[in-house]
Amino acid sequence: MAKSDEQARETCELCGRNGVQTTVHHLTPREKGGSVLPTAKLCSACHRQIHALYTNDDLITLELTSLPALRRDPSVARFLKWVRKQPPQFRPKLSKSHRVQKDR
């Protein structure tokens, strides 16, 4: 089985959707020392949404460095409630928060 076929059958550790292609999310950003710390397999929708909402500095400052913390965050929780209803192949259009746009 090809690698892409395997990835297409994984489960997102944040939203719980099955049959999604996942990417590795460093729960603590690499630039903040997270290269050797825990990671999570997230679908591209969840991964992109986290980085659209928060800068790497925000993730540290707001202590969003674990899956439970991300799930408790009101902005992420609203997204998760919505994305869980979407099919695995769905790729939502995202817009970066004003804070993230300003920081980049």
PDB file of N, CA and C in Angstrom:
ATOM      1  N   MET A   1       0.844  -1.171   0.000  1.00  0.00           N
ATOM      2  CA  MET A   1       0.000   0.000   0.000  1.00  0.00           C
ATOM      3  C   MET A   1       0.895   1.241   0.000  1.00  0.00           C
ATOM      4  N   ALA A   2       0.588   2.194  -0.833  1.00  0.00           N
ATOM      5  CA  ALA A   2       1.372   3.420  -0.938  1.00  0.00           C
ATOM      6  C   ALA A   2       1.170   4.275   0.302  1.00  0.00           C
ATOM      7  N   LYS A   3       2.184   5.092   0.611  1.00  0.00           N
ATOM      8  CA  LYS A   3       2.136   5.960   1.785  1.00  0.00           C
ATOM      9  C   LYS A   3       0.889   6.849   1.770  1.00  0.00           C
ATOM     10  N   SER A   4       0.562   7.438   0.635  1.00  0.00           N
ATOM     11  CA  SER A   4      -0.604   8.330   0.573  1.00  0.00           C
ATOM     12  C   SER A   4      -1.892   7.562   0.862  1.00  0.00           C
ATOM     13  N   ASP A   5      -1.964   6.272   0.477  1.00  0.00           N
ATOM     14  CA  ASP A   5      -3.144   5.474   0.779  1.00  0.00           C
ATOM     15  C   ASP A   5      -3.262   5.231   2.283  1.00  0.00           C
ATOM     16  N   GLU A   6      -2.117   4.989   2.943  1.00  0.00           N
ATOM     17  CA  GLU A   6      -2.117   4.799   4.393  1.00  0.00           C
ATOM     18  C   GLU A   6      -2.573   6.074   5.082  1.00  0.00           C
ATOM     19  N   GLN A   7      -2.022   7.205   4.684  1.00  0.00           N
ATOM     20  CA  GLN A   7      -2.357   8.467   5.322  1.00  0.00           C
ATOM     21  C   GLN A   7      -3.831   8.789   5.146  1.00  0.00           C
ATOM     22  N   ALA A   8      -4.409   8.421   4.019  1.00  0.00           N
ATOM     23  CA  ALA A   8      -5.807   8.728   3.742  1.00  0.00           C
ATOM     24  C   ALA A   8      -6.742   7.973   4.683  1.00  0.00           C
ATOM     25  N   ARG A   9      -6.231   7.002   5.396  1.00  0.00           N
ATOM     26  CA  ARG A   9      -7.065   6.195   6.280  1.00  0.00           C
ATOM     27  C   ARG A   9      -6.839   6.509   7.756  1.00  0.00           C
ATOM     28  N   GLU A  10      -6.170   7.586   8.042  1.00  0.00           N
ATOM     29  CA  GLU A  10      -5.879   7.915   9.429  1.00  0.00           C
ATOM     30  C   GLU A  10      -7.018   8.716  10.055  1.00  0.00           C
ATOM     31  N   THR A  11      -6.924   8.886  11.357  1.00  0.00           N
ATOM     32  CA  THR A  11      -7.890   9.655  12.122  1.00  0.00           C
ATOM     33  C   THR A  11      -7.212  10.892  12.681  1.00  0.00           C
ATOM     34  N   CYS A  12      -7.866  12.030  12.555  1.00  0.00           N
ATOM     35  CA  CYS A  12      -7.342  13.273  13.117  1.00  0.00           C
ATOM     36  C   CYS A  12      -7.443  13.182  14.638  1.00  0.00           C
ATOM     37  N   GLU A  13      -6.351  13.462  15.313  1.00  0.00           N
ATOM     38  CA  GLU A  13      -6.336  13.381  16.772  1.00  0.00           C
ATOM     39  C   GLU A  13      -7.062  14.552  17.429  1.00  0.00           C
ATOM     40  N   LEU A  14      -7.403  15.586  16.664  1.00  0.00           N
ATOM     41  CA  LEU A  14      -8.096  16.731  17.247  1.00  0.00           C
ATOM     42  C   LEU A  14      -9.603  16.647  17.007  1.00  0.00           C
ATOM     43  N   CYS A  15     -10.023  16.503  15.763  1.00  0.00           N
ATOM     44  CA  CYS A  15     -11.466  16.487  15.472  1.00  0.00           C
ATOM     45  C   CYS A  15     -12.055  15.084  15.492  1.00  0.00           C
ATOM     46  N   GLY A  16     -11.207  14.060  15.345  1.00  0.00           N
ATOM     47  CA  GLY A  16     -11.686  12.681  15.391  1.00  0.00           C
ATOM     48  C   GLY A  16     -12.246  12.141  14.090  1.00  0.00           C
ATOM     49  N   ARG A  17     -12.173  12.932  13.004  1.00  0.00           N
ATOM     50  CA  ARG A  17     -12.685  12.432  11.727  1.00  0.00           C
ATOM     51  C   ARG A  17     -11.784  11.307  11.221  1.00  0.00           C
ATOM     52  N   ASN A  18     -12.415  10.270  10.664  1.00  0.00           N
ATOM     53  CA  ASN A  18     -11.700   9.124  10.096  1.00  0.00           C
ATOM     54  C   ASN A  18     -11.514   9.301   8.605  1.00  0.00           C
ATOM     55  N   GLY A  19     -10.517   8.619   8.061  1.00  0.00           N
ATOM     56  CA  GLY A  19     -10.309   8.609   6.622  1.00  0.00           C
ATOM     57  C   GLY A  19      -9.727   9.892   6.084  1.00  0.00           C
ATOM     58  N   VAL A  20      -9.018  10.632   6.931  1.00  0.00           N
ATOM     59  CA  VAL A  20      -8.423  11.902   6.506  1.00  0.00           C
ATOM     60  C   VAL A  20      -6.917  11.741   6.349  1.00  0.00           C
ATOM     61  N   GLN A  21      -6.357  12.568   5.510  1.00  0.00           N
ATOM     62  CA  GLN A  21      -4.906  12.628   5.399  1.00  0.00           C
ATOM     63  C   GLN A  21      -4.423  13.521   6.530  1.00  0.00           C
ATOM     64  N   THR A  22      -3.423  13.054   7.261  1.00  0.00           N
ATOM     65  CA  THR A  22      -2.947  13.821   8.408  1.00  0.00           C
ATOM     66  C   THR A  22      -1.564  14.401   8.162  1.00  0.00           C
ATOM     67  N   THR A  23      -1.289  15.437   8.927  1.00  0.00           N
ATOM     68  CA  THR A  23       0.034  16.056   8.948  1.00  0.00           C
ATOM     69  C   THR A  23       0.491  16.093  10.396  1.00  0.00           C
ATOM     70  N   VAL A  24       1.786  16.262  10.594  1.00  0.00           N
ATOM     71  CA  VAL A  24       2.333  16.314  11.944  1.00  0.00           C
ATOM     72  C   VAL A  24       2.279  17.755  12.443  1.00  0.00           C
ATOM     73  N   HIS A  25       1.618  17.943  13.585  1.00  0.00           N
ATOM     74  CA  HIS A  25       1.559  19.256  14.230  1.00  0.00           C
ATOM     75  C   HIS A  25       2.403  19.185  15.492  1.00  0.00           C
ATOM     76  N   HIS A  26       3.403  20.059  15.597  1.00  0.00           N
ATOM     77  CA  HIS A  26       4.203  20.148  16.815  1.00  0.00           C
ATOM     78  C   HIS A  26       3.386  20.925  17.839  1.00  0.00           C
ATOM     79  N   LEU A  27       2.976  20.254  18.911  1.00  0.00           N
ATOM     80  CA  LEU A  27       2.125  20.897  19.908  1.00  0.00           C
ATOM     81  C   LEU A  27       2.814  22.119  20.517  1.00  0.00           C
ATOM     82  N   THR A  28       4.114  22.038  20.704  1.00  0.00           N
ATOM     83  CA  THR A  28       4.918  23.215  21.038  1.00  0.00           C
ATOM     84  C   THR A  28       5.661  23.542  19.749  1.00  0.00           C
ATOM     85  N   PRO A  29       5.499  24.754  19.222  1.00  0.00           N
ATOM     86  CA  PRO A  29       6.154  25.093  17.950  1.00  0.00           C
ATOM     87  C   PRO A  29       7.650  24.783  17.973  1.00  0.00           C
ATOM     88  N   ARG A  30       8.150  24.298  16.854  1.00  0.00           N
ATOM     89  CA  ARG A  30       9.575  23.946  16.756  1.00  0.00           C
ATOM     90  C   ARG A  30      10.470  25.115  17.118  1.00  0.00           C
ATOM     91  N   GLU A  31      10.095  26.314  16.668  1.00  0.00           N
ATOM     92  CA  GLU A  31      10.929  27.486  16.954  1.00  0.00           C
ATOM     93  C   GLU A  31      10.934  27.842  18.435  1.00  0.00           C
ATOM     94  N   LYS A  32      10.039  27.246  19.198  1.00  0.00           N
ATOM     95  CA  LYS A  32       9.967  27.472  20.642  1.00  0.00           C
ATOM     96  C   LYS A  32      10.464  26.258  21.416  1.00  0.00           C
ATOM     97  N   GLY A  33      11.234  25.399  20.748  1.00  0.00           N
ATOM     98  CA  GLY A  33      11.817  24.237  21.402  1.00  0.00           C
ATOM     99  C   GLY A  33      11.020  22.958  21.254  1.00  0.00           C
ATOM    100  N   GLY A  34      10.021  22.952  20.420  1.00  0.00           N
ATOM    101  CA  GLY A  34       9.146  21.799  20.305  1.00  0.00           C
ATOM    102  C   GLY A  34       9.588  20.699  19.371  1.00  0.00           C
ATOM    103  N   SER A  35      10.775  20.807  18.788  1.00  0.00           N
ATOM    104  CA  SER A  35      11.177  19.787  17.812  1.00  0.00           C
ATOM    105  C   SER A  35      11.354  18.410  18.441  1.00  0.00           C
ATOM    106  N   VAL A  36      11.597  18.335  19.741  1.00  0.00           N
ATOM    107  CA  VAL A  36      11.755  17.043  20.416  1.00  0.00           C
ATOM    108  C   VAL A  36      10.610  16.762  21.384  1.00  0.00           C
ATOM    109  N   LEU A  37       9.597  17.610  21.372  1.00  0.00           N
ATOM    110  CA  LEU A  37       8.445  17.450  22.253  1.00  0.00           C
ATOM    111  C   LEU A  37       7.305  16.763  21.495  1.00  0.00           C
ATOM    112  N   PRO A  38       6.230  16.409  22.185  1.00  0.00           N
ATOM    113  CA  PRO A  38       5.132  15.661  21.542  1.00  0.00           C
ATOM    114  C   PRO A  38       4.523  16.364  20.325  1.00  0.00           C
ATOM    115  N   THR A  39       4.041  15.525  19.417  1.00  0.00           N
ATOM    116  CA  THR A  39       3.365  15.987  18.209  1.00  0.00           C
ATOM    117  C   THR A  39       1.992  15.320  18.157  1.00  0.00           C
ATOM    118  N   ALA A  40       1.165  15.778  17.240  1.00  0.00           N
ATOM    119  CA  ALA A  40      -0.152  15.171  17.028  1.00  0.00           C
ATOM    120  C   ALA A  40      -0.389  15.059  15.533  1.00  0.00           C
ATOM    121  N   LYS A  41      -1.117  14.014  15.138  1.00  0.00           N
ATOM    122  CA  LYS A  41      -1.500  13.842  13.738  1.00  0.00           C
ATOM    123  C   LYS A  41      -2.840  14.534  13.535  1.00  0.00           C
ATOM    124  N   LEU A  42      -2.821  15.626  12.755  1.00  0.00           N
ATOM    125  CA  LEU A  42      -4.023  16.405  12.513  1.00  0.00           C
ATOM    126  C   LEU A  42      -4.381  16.397  11.038  1.00  0.00           C
ATOM    127  N   CYS A  43      -5.679  16.439  10.759  1.00  0.00           N
ATOM    128  CA  CYS A  43      -6.108  16.600   9.376  1.00  0.00           C
ATOM    129  C   CYS A  43      -5.699  18.000   8.931  1.00  0.00           C
ATOM    130  N   SER A  44      -5.612  18.202   7.644  1.00  0.00           N
ATOM    131  CA  SER A  44      -5.151  19.509   7.153  1.00  0.00           C
ATOM    132  C   SER A  44      -6.103  20.620   7.563  1.00  0.00           C
ATOM    133  N   ALA A  45      -7.404  20.337   7.660  1.00  0.00           N
ATOM    134  CA  ALA A  45      -8.360  21.373   8.054  1.00  0.00           C
ATOM    135  C   ALA A  45      -8.075  21.870   9.468  1.00  0.00           C
ATOM    136  N   CYS A  46      -7.878  20.970  10.401  1.00  0.00           N
ATOM    137  CA  CYS A  46      -7.595  21.358  11.784  1.00  0.00           C
ATOM    138  C   CYS A  46      -6.236  22.048  11.896  1.00  0.00           C
ATOM    139  N   HIS A  47      -5.239  21.484  11.231  1.00  0.00           N
ATOM    140  CA  HIS A  47      -3.888  22.044  11.296  1.00  0.00           C
ATOM    141  C   HIS A  47      -3.877  23.473  10.750  1.00  0.00           C
ATOM    142  N   ARG A  48      -4.502  23.658   9.614  1.00  0.00           N
ATOM    143  CA  ARG A  48      -4.543  24.987   9.001  1.00  0.00           C
ATOM    144  C   ARG A  48      -5.338  25.962   9.858  1.00  0.00           C
ATOM    145  N   GLN A  49      -6.422  25.489  10.472  1.00  0.00           N
ATOM    146  CA  GLN A  49      -7.247  26.366  11.305  1.00  0.00           C
ATOM    147  C   GLN A  49      -6.477  26.854  12.529  1.00  0.00           C
ATOM    148  N   ILE A  50      -5.734  25.988  13.168  1.00  0.00           N
ATOM    149  CA  ILE A  50      -4.935  26.400  14.330  1.00  0.00           C
ATOM    150  C   ILE A  50      -3.992  27.527  13.940  1.00  0.00           C
ATOM    151  N   HIS A  51      -3.288  27.340  12.813  1.00  0.00           N
ATOM    152  CA  HIS A  51      -2.311  28.358  12.399  1.00  0.00           C
ATOM    153  C   HIS A  51      -2.961  29.586  11.780  1.00  0.00           C
ATOM    154  N   ALA A  52      -4.222  29.474  11.378  1.00  0.00           N
ATOM    155  CA  ALA A  52      -4.952  30.652  10.908  1.00  0.00           C
ATOM    156  C   ALA A  52      -5.436  31.491  12.090  1.00  0.00           C
ATOM    157  N   LEU A  53      -5.706  30.834  13.208  1.00  0.00           N
ATOM    158  CA  LEU A  53      -6.196  31.539  14.388  1.00  0.00           C
ATOM    159  C   LEU A  53      -5.075  32.123  15.244  1.00  0.00           C
ATOM    160  N   TYR A  54      -3.967  31.388  15.351  1.00  0.00           N
ATOM    161  CA  TYR A  54      -2.937  31.738  16.331  1.00  0.00           C
ATOM    162  C   TYR A  54      -1.532  31.722  15.743  1.00  0.00           C
ATOM    163  N   THR A  55      -0.730  32.658  16.195  1.00  0.00           N
ATOM    164  CA  THR A  55       0.695  32.637  15.860  1.00  0.00           C
ATOM    165  C   THR A  55       1.372  31.613  16.768  1.00  0.00           C
ATOM    166  N   ASN A  56       2.608  31.284  16.477  1.00  0.00           N
ATOM    167  CA  ASN A  56       3.351  30.370  17.344  1.00  0.00           C
ATOM    168  C   ASN A  56       3.510  30.971  18.737  1.00  0.00           C
ATOM    169  N   ASP A  57       3.729  32.284  18.816  1.00  0.00           N
ATOM    170  CA  ASP A  57       3.817  32.946  20.123  1.00  0.00           C
ATOM    171  C   ASP A  57       2.503  32.814  20.880  1.00  0.00           C
ATOM    172  N   ASP A  58       1.372  32.981  20.173  1.00  0.00           N
ATOM    173  CA  ASP A  58       0.058  32.838  20.803  1.00  0.00           C
ATOM    174  C   ASP A  58      -0.115  31.434  21.392  1.00  0.00           C
ATOM    175  N   LEU A  59       0.288  30.419  20.647  1.00  0.00           N
ATOM    176  CA  LEU A  59       0.126  29.047  21.118  1.00  0.00           C
ATOM    177  C   LEU A  59       0.831  28.833  22.445  1.00  0.00           C
ATOM    178  N   ILE A  60       2.005  29.449  22.614  1.00  0.00           N
ATOM    179  CA  ILE A  60       2.752  29.342  23.874  1.00  0.00           C
ATOM    180  C   ILE A  60       2.090  30.195  24.952  1.00  0.00           C
ATOM    181  N   THR A  61       1.842  31.458  24.638  1.00  0.00           N
ATOM    182  CA  THR A  61       1.286  32.404  25.614  1.00  0.00           C
ATOM    183  C   THR A  61      -0.071  31.937  26.140  1.00  0.00           C
ATOM    184  N   LEU A  62      -0.910  31.429  25.251  1.00  0.00           N
ATOM    185  CA  LEU A  62      -2.249  30.977  25.637  1.00  0.00           C
ATOM    186  C   LEU A  62      -2.256  29.534  26.134  1.00  0.00           C
ATOM    187  N   GLU A  63      -1.075  28.917  26.192  1.00  0.00           N
ATOM    188  CA  GLU A  63      -0.901  27.540  26.664  1.00  0.00           C
ATOM    189  C   GLU A  63      -1.746  26.546  25.867  1.00  0.00           C
ATOM    190  N   LEU A  64      -1.717  26.696  24.553  1.00  0.00           N
ATOM    191  CA  LEU A  64      -2.435  25.793  23.651  1.00  0.00           C
ATOM    192  C   LEU A  64      -1.474  24.750  23.094  1.00  0.00           C
ATOM    193  N   THR A  65      -0.756  24.088  23.994  1.00  0.00           N
ATOM    194  CA  THR A  65       0.287  23.150  23.586  1.00  0.00           C
ATOM    195  C   THR A  65      -0.069  21.692  23.884  1.00  0.00           C
ATOM    196  N   SER A  66      -1.358  21.429  23.999  1.00  0.00           N
ATOM    197  CA  SER A  66      -1.824  20.047  24.161  1.00  0.00           C
ATOM    198  C   SER A  66      -3.166  19.921  23.454  1.00  0.00           C
ATOM    199  N   LEU A  67      -3.530  18.695  23.114  1.00  0.00           N
ATOM    200  CA  LEU A  67      -4.821  18.479  22.464  1.00  0.00           C
ATOM    201  C   LEU A  67      -5.987  18.894  23.373  1.00  0.00           C
ATOM    202  N   PRO A  68      -5.971  18.547  24.673  1.00  0.00           N
ATOM    203  CA  PRO A  68      -7.075  18.998  25.527  1.00  0.00           C
ATOM    204  C   PRO A  68      -7.179  20.530  25.599  1.00  0.00           C
ATOM    205  N   ALA A  69      -6.063  21.213  25.657  1.00  0.00           N
ATOM    206  CA  ALA A  69      -6.085  22.681  25.705  1.00  0.00           C
ATOM    207  C   ALA A  69      -6.656  23.248  24.409  1.00  0.00           C
ATOM    208  N   LEU A  70      -6.273  22.679  23.279  1.00  0.00           N
ATOM    209  CA  LEU A  70      -6.812  23.142  22.005  1.00  0.00           C
ATOM    210  C   LEU A  70      -8.318  22.904  21.945  1.00  0.00           C
ATOM    211  N   ARG A  71      -8.774  21.751  22.411  1.00  0.00           N
ATOM    212  CA  ARG A  71     -10.212  21.446  22.378  1.00  0.00           C
ATOM    213  C   ARG A  71     -11.019  22.378  23.284  1.00  0.00           C
ATOM    214  N   ARG A  72     -10.407  22.854  24.393  1.00  0.00           N
ATOM    215  CA  ARG A  72     -11.097  23.761  25.316  1.00  0.00           C
ATOM    216  C   ARG A  72     -11.145  25.195  24.810  1.00  0.00           C
ATOM    217  N   ASP A  73     -10.261  25.549  23.888  1.00  0.00           N
ATOM    218  CA  ASP A  73     -10.227  26.913  23.376  1.00  0.00           C
ATOM    219  C   ASP A  73     -11.530  27.204  22.638  1.00  0.00           C
ATOM    220  N   PRO A  74     -12.221  28.307  22.962  1.00  0.00           N
ATOM    221  CA  PRO A  74     -13.521  28.581  22.338  1.00  0.00           C
ATOM    222  C   PRO A  74     -13.488  28.665  20.809  1.00  0.00           C
ATOM    223  N   SER A  75     -12.472  29.292  20.248  1.00  0.00           N
ATOM    224  CA  SER A  75     -12.403  29.419  18.787  1.00  0.00           C
ATOM    225  C   SER A  75     -12.176  28.068  18.122  1.00  0.00           C
ATOM    226  N   VAL A  76     -11.299  27.271  18.691  1.00  0.00           N
ATOM    227  CA  VAL A  76     -11.036  25.937  18.142  1.00  0.00           C
ATOM    228  C   VAL A  76     -12.268  25.050  18.342  1.00  0.00           C
ATOM    229  N   ALA A  77     -12.898  25.147  19.512  1.00  0.00           N
ATOM    230  CA  ALA A  77     -14.070  24.319  19.801  1.00  0.00           C
ATOM    231  C   ALA A  77     -15.196  24.588  18.798  1.00  0.00           C
ATOM    232  N   ARG A  78     -15.421  25.846  18.452  1.00  0.00           N
ATOM    233  CA  ARG A  78     -16.453  26.173  17.452  1.00  0.00           C
ATOM    234  C   ARG A  78     -16.121  25.530  16.106  1.00  0.00           C
ATOM    235  N   PHE A  79     -14.846  25.623  15.722  1.00  0.00           N
ATOM    236  CA  PHE A  79     -14.415  25.024  14.461  1.00  0.00           C
ATOM    237  C   PHE A  79     -14.604  23.508  14.501  1.00  0.00           C
ATOM    238  N   LEU A  80     -14.204  22.870  15.604  1.00  0.00           N
ATOM    239  CA  LEU A  80     -14.318  21.415  15.712  1.00  0.00           C
ATOM    240  C   LEU A  80     -15.769  20.964  15.617  1.00  0.00           C
ATOM    241  N   LYS A  81     -16.663  21.697  16.252  1.00  0.00           N
ATOM    242  CA  LYS A  81     -18.088  21.350  16.193  1.00  0.00           C
ATOM    243  C   LYS A  81     -18.571  21.348  14.745  1.00  0.00           C
ATOM    244  N   TRP A  82     -18.103  22.307  13.976  1.00  0.00           N
ATOM    245  CA  TRP A  82     -18.504  22.417  12.572  1.00  0.00           C
ATOM    246  C   TRP A  82     -17.797  21.373  11.699  1.00  0.00           C
ATOM    247  N   VAL A  83     -16.480  21.256  11.830  1.00  0.00           N
ATOM    248  CA  VAL A  83     -15.721  20.399  10.901  1.00  0.00           C
ATOM    249  C   VAL A  83     -16.039  18.923  11.088  1.00  0.00           C
ATOM    250  N   ARG A  84     -16.436  18.527  12.275  1.00  0.00           N
ATOM    251  CA  ARG A  84     -16.789  17.115  12.510  1.00  0.00           C
ATOM    252  C   ARG A  84     -17.941  16.657  11.627  1.00  0.00           C
ATOM    253  N   LYS A  85     -18.749  17.595  11.147  1.00  0.00           N
ATOM    254  CA  LYS A  85     -19.890  17.277  10.288  1.00  0.00           C
ATOM    255  C   LYS A  85     -19.509  17.218   8.807  1.00  0.00           C
ATOM    256  N   GLN A  86     -18.261  17.555   8.490  1.00  0.00           N
ATOM    257  CA  GLN A  86     -17.823  17.628   7.095  1.00  0.00           C
ATOM    258  C   GLN A  86     -17.227  16.290   6.656  1.00  0.00           C
ATOM    259  N   PRO A  87     -17.326  15.955   5.375  1.00  0.00           N
ATOM    260  CA  PRO A  87     -16.727  14.710   4.877  1.00  0.00           C
ATOM    261  C   PRO A  87     -15.196  14.782   4.940  1.00  0.00           C
ATOM    262  N   PRO A  88     -14.539  13.627   5.015  1.00  0.00           N
ATOM    263  CA  PRO A  88     -13.076  13.591   5.159  1.00  0.00           C
ATOM    264  C   PRO A  88     -12.316  14.353   4.072  1.00  0.00           C
ATOM    265  N   GLN A  89     -12.812  14.341   2.858  1.00  0.00           N
ATOM    266  CA  GLN A  89     -12.083  14.979   1.764  1.00  0.00           C
ATOM    267  C   GLN A  89     -12.317  16.487   1.711  1.00  0.00           C
ATOM    268  N   PHE A  90     -13.230  17.009   2.523  1.00  0.00           N
ATOM    269  CA  PHE A  90     -13.555  18.437   2.503  1.00  0.00           C
ATOM    270  C   PHE A  90     -12.375  19.277   2.973  1.00  0.00           C
ATOM    271  N   ARG A  91     -12.064  20.310   2.194  1.00  0.00           N
ATOM    272  CA  ARG A  91     -10.965  21.218   2.540  1.00  0.00           C
ATOM    273  C   ARG A  91     -11.544  22.634   2.618  1.00  0.00           C
ATOM    274  N   PRO A  92     -11.843  23.090   3.840  1.00  0.00           N
ATOM    275  CA  PRO A  92     -12.494  24.392   3.977  1.00  0.00           C
ATOM    276  C   PRO A  92     -11.565  25.550   3.612  1.00  0.00           C
ATOM    277  N   LYS A  93     -12.178  26.620   3.128  1.00  0.00           N
ATOM    278  CA  LYS A  93     -11.426  27.847   2.896  1.00  0.00           C
ATOM    279  C   LYS A  93     -11.303  28.546   4.236  1.00  0.00           C
ATOM    280  N   LEU A  94     -10.103  28.961   4.552  1.00  0.00           N
ATOM    281  CA  LEU A  94      -9.854  29.605   5.833  1.00  0.00           C
ATOM    282  C   LEU A  94      -9.324  31.004   5.609  1.00  0.00           C
ATOM    283  N   SER A  95      -9.608  31.864   6.546  1.00  0.00           N
ATOM    284  CA  SER A  95      -8.976  33.178   6.504  1.00  0.00           C
ATOM    285  C   SER A  95      -8.268  33.388   7.833  1.00  0.00           C
ATOM    286  N   LYS A  96      -7.096  33.962   7.739  1.00  0.00           N
ATOM    287  CA  LYS A  96      -6.284  34.174   8.929  1.00  0.00           C
ATOM    288  C   LYS A  96      -6.896  35.270   9.791  1.00  0.00           C
ATOM    289  N   SER A  97      -6.783  35.093  11.099  1.00  0.00           N
ATOM    290  CA  SER A  97      -7.272  36.115  12.012  1.00  0.00           C
ATOM    291  C   SER A  97      -6.454  37.390  11.817  1.00  0.00           C
ATOM    292  N   HIS A  98      -7.016  38.502  12.213  1.00  0.00           N
ATOM    293  CA  HIS A  98      -6.303  39.779  12.069  1.00  0.00           C
ATOM    294  C   HIS A  98      -4.987  39.757  12.833  1.00  0.00           C
ATOM    295  N   ARG A  99      -4.959  39.091  13.992  1.00  0.00           N
ATOM    296  CA  ARG A  99      -3.745  38.998  14.795  1.00  0.00           C
ATOM    297  C   ARG A  99      -2.655  38.235  14.020  1.00  0.00           C
ATOM    298  N   VAL A 100      -3.039  37.158  13.359  1.00  0.00           N
ATOM    299  CA  VAL A 100      -2.068  36.357  12.611  1.00  0.00           C
ATOM    300  C   VAL A 100      -1.616  37.131  11.372  1.00  0.00           C
ATOM    301  N   GLN A 101      -2.536  37.790  10.687  1.00  0.00           N
ATOM    302  CA  GLN A 101      -2.170  38.574   9.506  1.00  0.00           C
ATOM    303  C   GLN A 101      -1.179  39.668   9.875  1.00  0.00           C
ATOM    304  N   LYS A 102      -1.403  40.315  10.986  1.00  0.00           N
ATOM    305  CA  LYS A 102      -0.552  41.420  11.425  1.00  0.00           C
ATOM    306  C   LYS A 102       0.842  40.934  11.789  1.00  0.00           C
ATOM    307  N   ASP A 103       0.909  39.731  12.368  1.00  0.00           N
ATOM    308  CA  ASP A 103       2.188  39.220  12.864  1.00  0.00           C
ATOM    309  C   ASP A 103       3.066  38.645  11.772  1.00  0.00           C
ATOM    310  N   ARG A 104       2.523  38.351  10.610  1.00  0.00           N
ATOM    311  CA  ARG A 104       3.304  37.683   9.558  1.00  0.00           C
ATOM    312  C   ARG A 104       4.011  38.674   8.678  1.00  0.00           C
TER     313      ARG A 104
END
